[in-house]
Amino acid sequence: MTKKKKNSSLNIADKNFKKLSIQVSLNGLSFCVADTVSQKILISDRVDFSDEKNPMEIKNELENLFQQHDIEEMQFDEVVVVHRNTLFGLVPKSLFQSDNLNEYLKFNTKVLATDVLAFDEVENHDLVNVYVPYVNINNYIYDLFGEFNFMHNGTVLLQSLMNNQSQSLETTCFAHVNKNQLDITVLNQRKLLLYNSFKYHTKEDFAYYLLFVIEQLELDPKTVTVKLFGAIEEDDDIYQLCYNYIQNISIFAPSTPQLIKLGEPTASSLDFTLINTI
């Protein structure tokens, strides 16, 4: 299982200018096909599961989703898979050694002997993200399309937020909301203070993790800026509960890459991290 290497000798006549981006988690799947010339999303879809599934079930669900849209019959210039899970750890690039991947995860993640570990460099920042990808998904995608790129959702999230945050002196807490998973990124002047991911099942779980992070960083819930984005609206129970404890909280609408021309209903089927792989 290797990440795709760019072939600079590829004849432009052989290109079809289509890119497939896929996001995989135990709670759901999403994908989109983008035309990189017209700058449009051609196809997109997502499936959310009522109960968490195992990796084998996820593969079957992805096959079904692809078959609904004839994705397996298509050809792409580039394929990207984003693995969303909480099985990761961040390492300063200056301390990172690729032969010590297991050491970086064993204290905060249950790593099985059969797990294959991978890592991403967080571009433009002194960080390496070590994680456990869904190997069976990677194998399935490789069988369909050959070599491809894959990464952890945390890598995409960190690169997007850190590269686009202003040089403001204020500390900002970004909370990316997904079904049963909360990704919290705390930044100050594009410097990462904390990134962590939590599984939650109730609105009380969500509020607890968010307030816990604020407390651990010795921030004041009355003054810290908290921006929620993803699967969240102001009239949601989660937002209303957090609003009772955090004064400066709001819904955040991240900017999308210049490539994207979403429109509706496409926008509702695409996740922030998926959009930022295009």
Protein backbone atom coordinates (compact mmCIF):
# COMPACT_ATOMS: atom_id res chain seq x y z
CA MET A 1 0.00 0.00 0.00
CA THR A 2 1.79 3.11 -1.23
CA LYS A 3 0.79 6.65 -1.91
CA LYS A 4 0.62 7.69 -5.52
CA LYS A 5 3.62 9.39 -7.06
CA LYS A 6 2.96 12.05 -9.66
CA ASN A 7 3.97 11.10 -13.18
CA SER A 8 5.33 14.28 -14.77
CA SER A 9 5.69 12.56 -18.15
CA LEU A 10 1.95 11.89 -18.48
CA ASN A 11 0.72 13.00 -21.91
CA ILE A 12 -1.93 15.70 -21.59
CA ALA A 13 -3.91 13.90 -24.31
CA ASP A 14 -4.36 11.00 -21.89
CA LYS A 15 -5.88 13.17 -19.17
CA ASN A 16 -9.63 13.44 -18.60
CA PHE A 17 -9.37 16.19 -15.95
CA LYS A 18 -11.56 14.37 -13.45
CA LYS A 19 -10.74 13.86 -9.79
CA LEU A 20 -12.41 11.50 -7.35
CA SER A 21 -12.33 12.37 -3.64
CA ILE A 22 -13.65 9.91 -1.05
CA GLN A 23 -14.09 10.22 2.71
CA VAL A 24 -14.45 7.09 4.80
CA SER A 25 -15.44 6.68 8.44
CA LEU A 26 -17.25 4.13 10.58
CA ASN A 27 -20.18 6.56 10.81
CA GLY A 28 -20.61 7.32 7.13
CA LEU A 29 -19.21 7.79 3.64
CA SER A 30 -19.09 10.61 1.14
CA PHE A 31 -17.51 11.23 -2.24
CA CYS A 32 -17.43 13.70 -5.09
CA VAL A 33 -16.21 13.77 -8.68
CA ALA A 34 -14.81 17.12 -9.80
CA ASP A 35 -14.03 18.39 -13.28
CA THR A 36 -10.80 20.31 -12.82
CA VAL A 37 -11.25 22.30 -16.04
CA SER A 38 -14.84 23.52 -15.67
CA GLN A 39 -14.27 23.84 -11.91
CA LYS A 40 -17.51 22.05 -11.11
CA ILE A 41 -18.63 19.16 -8.96
CA LEU A 42 -20.07 16.60 -11.38
CA ILE A 43 -21.32 13.97 -8.92
CA SER A 44 -21.51 13.84 -5.15
CA ASP A 45 -23.26 11.73 -2.55
CA ARG A 46 -23.06 10.74 1.09
CA VAL A 47 -24.39 8.03 3.38
CA ASP A 48 -24.72 8.39 7.16
CA PHE A 49 -25.15 5.29 9.30
CA SER A 50 -27.48 5.11 12.28
CA ASP A 51 -25.00 2.79 14.01
CA GLU A 52 -21.22 2.61 13.73
CA LYS A 53 -20.10 -0.10 11.31
CA ASN A 54 -16.92 -2.14 11.07
CA PRO A 55 -14.36 -1.72 8.25
CA MET A 56 -15.68 -4.71 6.28
CA GLU A 57 -19.22 -3.35 6.38
CA ILE A 58 -17.88 0.05 5.33
CA LYS A 59 -16.26 -1.48 2.26
CA ASN A 60 -19.55 -3.11 1.27
CA GLU A 61 -21.38 0.19 1.74
CA LEU A 62 -18.80 1.99 -0.40
CA GLU A 63 -19.17 -0.60 -3.15
CA ASN A 64 -22.93 -0.10 -3.11
CA LEU A 65 -22.54 3.67 -3.23
CA PHE A 66 -20.14 3.46 -6.17
CA GLN A 67 -22.44 1.08 -8.04
CA GLN A 68 -25.34 3.52 -7.70
CA HIS A 69 -23.31 6.12 -9.62
CA ASP A 70 -21.27 3.80 -11.89
CA ILE A 71 -18.06 5.10 -10.30
CA GLU A 72 -16.28 1.78 -10.80
CA GLU A 73 -16.64 2.20 -14.58
CA MET A 74 -15.11 5.69 -14.66
CA GLN A 75 -11.52 6.81 -15.12
CA PHE A 76 -9.84 9.55 -13.12
CA ASP A 77 -6.59 11.47 -13.32
CA GLU A 78 -6.41 11.55 -9.55
CA VAL A 79 -8.06 9.67 -6.69
CA VAL A 80 -7.87 10.76 -3.04
CA VAL A 81 -9.13 8.85 0.00
CA VAL A 82 -9.59 10.60 3.35
CA HIS A 83 -9.67 8.35 6.41
CA ARG A 84 -11.70 9.79 9.28
CA ASN A 85 -11.10 8.25 12.70
CA THR A 86 -9.65 9.03 16.12
CA LEU A 87 -6.66 6.70 15.66
CA PHE A 88 -3.91 9.27 15.20
CA GLY A 89 -1.14 11.21 16.88
CA LEU A 90 0.73 14.40 15.98
CA VAL A 91 4.53 14.47 16.08
CA PRO A 92 6.87 17.47 15.61
CA LYS A 93 8.64 17.00 12.29
CA SER A 94 12.02 17.61 13.91
CA LEU A 95 11.48 14.57 16.17
CA PHE A 96 9.78 12.30 13.64
CA GLN A 97 11.32 9.02 12.48
CA SER A 98 9.36 6.90 10.03
CA ASP A 99 10.49 3.62 11.61
CA ASN A 100 8.92 4.53 14.97
CA LEU A 101 5.28 4.88 13.94
CA ASN A 102 3.99 2.41 16.49
CA GLU A 103 5.79 4.24 19.31
CA TYR A 104 3.95 7.46 18.51
CA LEU A 105 0.52 5.85 18.81
CA LYS A 106 0.78 3.18 21.48
CA PHE A 107 0.12 5.50 24.43
CA ASN A 108 -3.11 7.07 23.19
CA THR A 109 -4.42 4.60 20.61
CA LYS A 110 -5.10 0.89 20.69
CA VAL A 111 -2.90 -0.41 17.88
CA LEU A 112 -3.35 -4.03 16.86
CA ALA A 113 -0.49 -6.20 15.65
CA THR A 114 -2.21 -6.46 12.27
CA ASP A 115 -2.66 -2.70 11.84
CA VAL A 116 -0.75 -0.96 9.07
CA LEU A 117 0.30 2.54 10.09
CA ALA A 118 0.72 5.55 7.83
CA PHE A 119 1.72 9.19 8.17
CA ASP A 120 1.13 12.54 6.50
CA GLU A 121 3.25 15.65 6.64
CA VAL A 122 1.15 18.70 7.44
CA GLU A 123 2.27 21.00 4.64
CA ASN A 124 3.89 24.32 5.60
CA HIS A 125 3.93 23.34 9.26
CA ASP A 126 6.37 21.42 11.45
CA LEU A 127 4.01 18.51 12.06
CA VAL A 128 3.57 14.89 11.06
CA ASN A 129 0.25 13.09 11.53
CA VAL A 130 0.65 9.36 12.29
CA TYR A 131 -2.53 7.31 11.96
CA VAL A 132 -4.24 3.99 11.26
CA PRO A 133 -5.89 3.96 7.81
CA TYR A 134 -8.62 1.53 6.77
CA VAL A 135 -6.40 -0.87 4.86
CA ASN A 136 -9.25 -2.82 3.28
CA ILE A 137 -10.61 0.41 1.80
CA ASN A 138 -7.20 1.31 0.42
CA ASN A 139 -6.87 -2.15 -1.11
CA TYR A 140 -10.32 -1.87 -2.69
CA ILE A 141 -9.55 1.54 -4.20
CA TYR A 142 -6.18 0.32 -5.47
CA ASP A 143 -7.84 -2.65 -7.19
CA LEU A 144 -10.27 -0.27 -8.91
CA PHE A 145 -8.04 2.63 -9.92
CA GLY A 146 -4.40 1.73 -9.31
CA GLU A 147 -2.14 4.08 -7.34
CA PHE A 148 -3.83 6.88 -5.43
CA ASN A 149 -3.32 9.37 -2.61
CA PHE A 150 -4.69 8.86 0.88
CA MET A 151 -4.54 10.91 4.05
CA HIS A 152 -6.10 11.39 7.45
CA ASN A 153 -8.95 13.87 7.85
CA GLY A 154 -6.98 15.64 10.58
CA THR A 155 -4.24 16.45 8.08
CA VAL A 156 -6.69 18.10 5.70
CA LEU A 157 -8.40 19.95 8.53
CA LEU A 158 -5.18 21.30 10.04
CA GLN A 159 -3.72 22.41 6.71
CA SER A 160 -6.91 24.21 5.74
CA LEU A 161 -7.46 25.98 9.05
CA MET A 162 -3.84 26.95 9.73
CA ASN A 163 -3.19 28.17 6.21
CA ASN A 164 -6.32 30.33 6.16
CA GLN A 165 -6.41 31.75 9.67
CA SER A 166 -5.51 35.41 10.02
CA GLN A 167 -2.58 36.63 12.10
CA SER A 168 -5.01 37.81 14.79
CA LEU A 169 -3.62 37.79 18.31
CA GLU A 170 -6.76 36.18 19.70
CA THR A 171 -6.94 32.46 20.35
CA THR A 172 -9.63 30.72 18.32
CA CYS A 173 -11.17 27.33 18.99
CA PHE A 174 -12.54 25.63 15.86
CA ALA A 175 -14.94 22.72 16.39
CA HIS A 176 -15.64 20.58 13.34
CA VAL A 177 -18.90 18.72 13.94
CA ASN A 178 -19.69 15.38 12.35
CA LYS A 179 -22.00 12.54 13.25
CA ASN A 180 -20.70 11.24 16.59
CA GLN A 181 -17.25 12.79 16.09
CA LEU A 182 -15.97 16.20 17.21
CA ASP A 183 -12.64 17.53 15.92
CA ILE A 184 -11.28 20.45 17.95
CA THR A 185 -8.49 22.70 16.67
CA VAL A 186 -7.19 25.60 18.77
CA LEU A 187 -5.02 28.18 16.99
CA ASN A 188 -3.26 31.40 17.85
CA GLN A 189 -1.59 33.34 15.01
CA ARG A 190 -1.60 30.17 12.90
CA LYS A 191 0.23 28.36 15.68
CA LEU A 192 -1.37 25.10 16.76
CA LEU A 193 -2.13 24.96 20.46
CA LEU A 194 -4.20 21.77 20.34
CA TYR A 195 -5.81 19.34 17.95
CA ASN A 196 -7.83 16.38 19.17
CA SER A 197 -10.80 14.30 18.15
CA PHE A 198 -13.56 12.95 20.37
CA LYS A 199 -16.41 10.50 19.90
CA TYR A 200 -19.68 11.74 21.34
CA HIS A 201 -23.23 10.39 21.55
CA THR A 202 -25.18 13.10 23.36
CA LYS A 203 -25.23 16.89 23.39
CA GLU A 204 -23.87 16.70 26.94
CA ASP A 205 -20.87 14.68 25.70
CA PHE A 206 -20.21 17.32 23.07
CA ALA A 207 -20.37 20.23 25.51
CA TYR A 208 -18.20 18.38 28.03
CA TYR A 209 -15.35 17.80 25.55
CA LEU A 210 -15.48 21.35 24.26
CA LEU A 211 -15.43 22.87 27.74
CA PHE A 212 -12.75 20.40 28.85
CA VAL A 213 -10.42 21.57 26.07
CA ILE A 214 -11.06 25.21 26.97
CA GLU A 215 -10.30 24.48 30.62
CA GLN A 216 -7.13 22.49 29.90
CA LEU A 217 -5.73 25.37 27.84
CA GLU A 218 -6.65 27.78 30.64
CA LEU A 219 -8.90 29.78 28.35
CA ASP A 220 -11.90 31.74 29.58
CA PRO A 221 -15.25 30.48 28.21
CA LYS A 222 -16.58 34.02 28.63
CA THR A 223 -14.04 35.51 26.23
CA VAL A 224 -12.54 32.79 23.99
CA THR A 225 -13.75 32.72 20.39
CA VAL A 226 -15.34 29.38 19.49
CA LYS A 227 -16.36 28.65 15.91
CA LEU A 228 -18.49 25.60 15.10
CA PHE A 229 -18.76 24.26 11.56
CA GLY A 230 -19.81 21.13 9.75
CA ALA A 231 -23.03 19.32 10.69
CA ILE A 232 -24.30 22.04 13.03
CA GLU A 233 -26.88 24.86 12.95
CA GLU A 234 -27.82 27.55 15.45
CA ASP A 235 -31.15 25.89 16.23
CA ASP A 236 -29.54 22.51 17.00
CA ASP A 237 -29.70 21.27 20.59
CA ILE A 238 -25.90 20.98 20.69
CA TYR A 239 -25.42 24.62 19.76
CA GLN A 240 -28.05 25.82 22.21
CA LEU A 241 -26.44 23.90 25.08
CA CYS A 242 -22.93 25.17 24.30
CA TYR A 243 -24.27 28.72 23.99
CA ASN A 244 -25.30 28.56 27.65
CA TYR A 245 -21.64 28.16 28.69
CA ILE A 246 -19.62 29.90 25.98
CA GLN A 247 -20.35 33.56 25.35
CA ASN A 248 -18.46 34.12 22.09
CA ILE A 249 -19.66 31.11 20.11
CA SER A 250 -20.87 31.17 16.51
CA ILE A 251 -21.41 29.10 13.38
CA PHE A 252 -18.38 29.33 11.11
CA ALA A 253 -18.60 29.15 7.31
CA PRO A 254 -15.09 28.21 6.11
CA SER A 255 -13.97 29.48 2.73
CA THR A 256 -13.83 26.83 0.01
CA PRO A 257 -10.99 26.40 -2.48
CA GLN A 258 -11.23 28.54 -5.60
CA LEU A 259 -11.85 25.41 -7.64
CA ILE A 260 -15.21 24.68 -6.09
CA LYS A 261 -18.49 25.71 -7.63
CA LEU A 262 -20.88 23.94 -5.34
CA GLY A 263 -24.43 25.15 -5.51
CA GLU A 264 -27.30 23.21 -3.97
CA PRO A 265 -27.99 20.44 -3.24
CA THR A 266 -24.35 19.53 -3.82
CA ALA A 267 -23.07 21.59 -0.90
CA SER A 268 -25.13 19.65 1.63
CA SER A 269 -23.57 16.34 0.59
CA LEU A 270 -19.96 17.50 0.93
CA ASP A 271 -17.88 17.66 4.09
CA PHE A 272 -15.32 20.41 4.75
CA THR A 273 -12.39 18.01 4.61
CA LEU A 274 -13.65 16.40 1.42
CA ILE A 275 -14.01 19.77 -0.29
CA ASN A 276 -10.46 20.69 0.67
CA THR A 277 -8.95 17.66 -1.06
CA ILE A 278 -10.11 18.88 -4.47
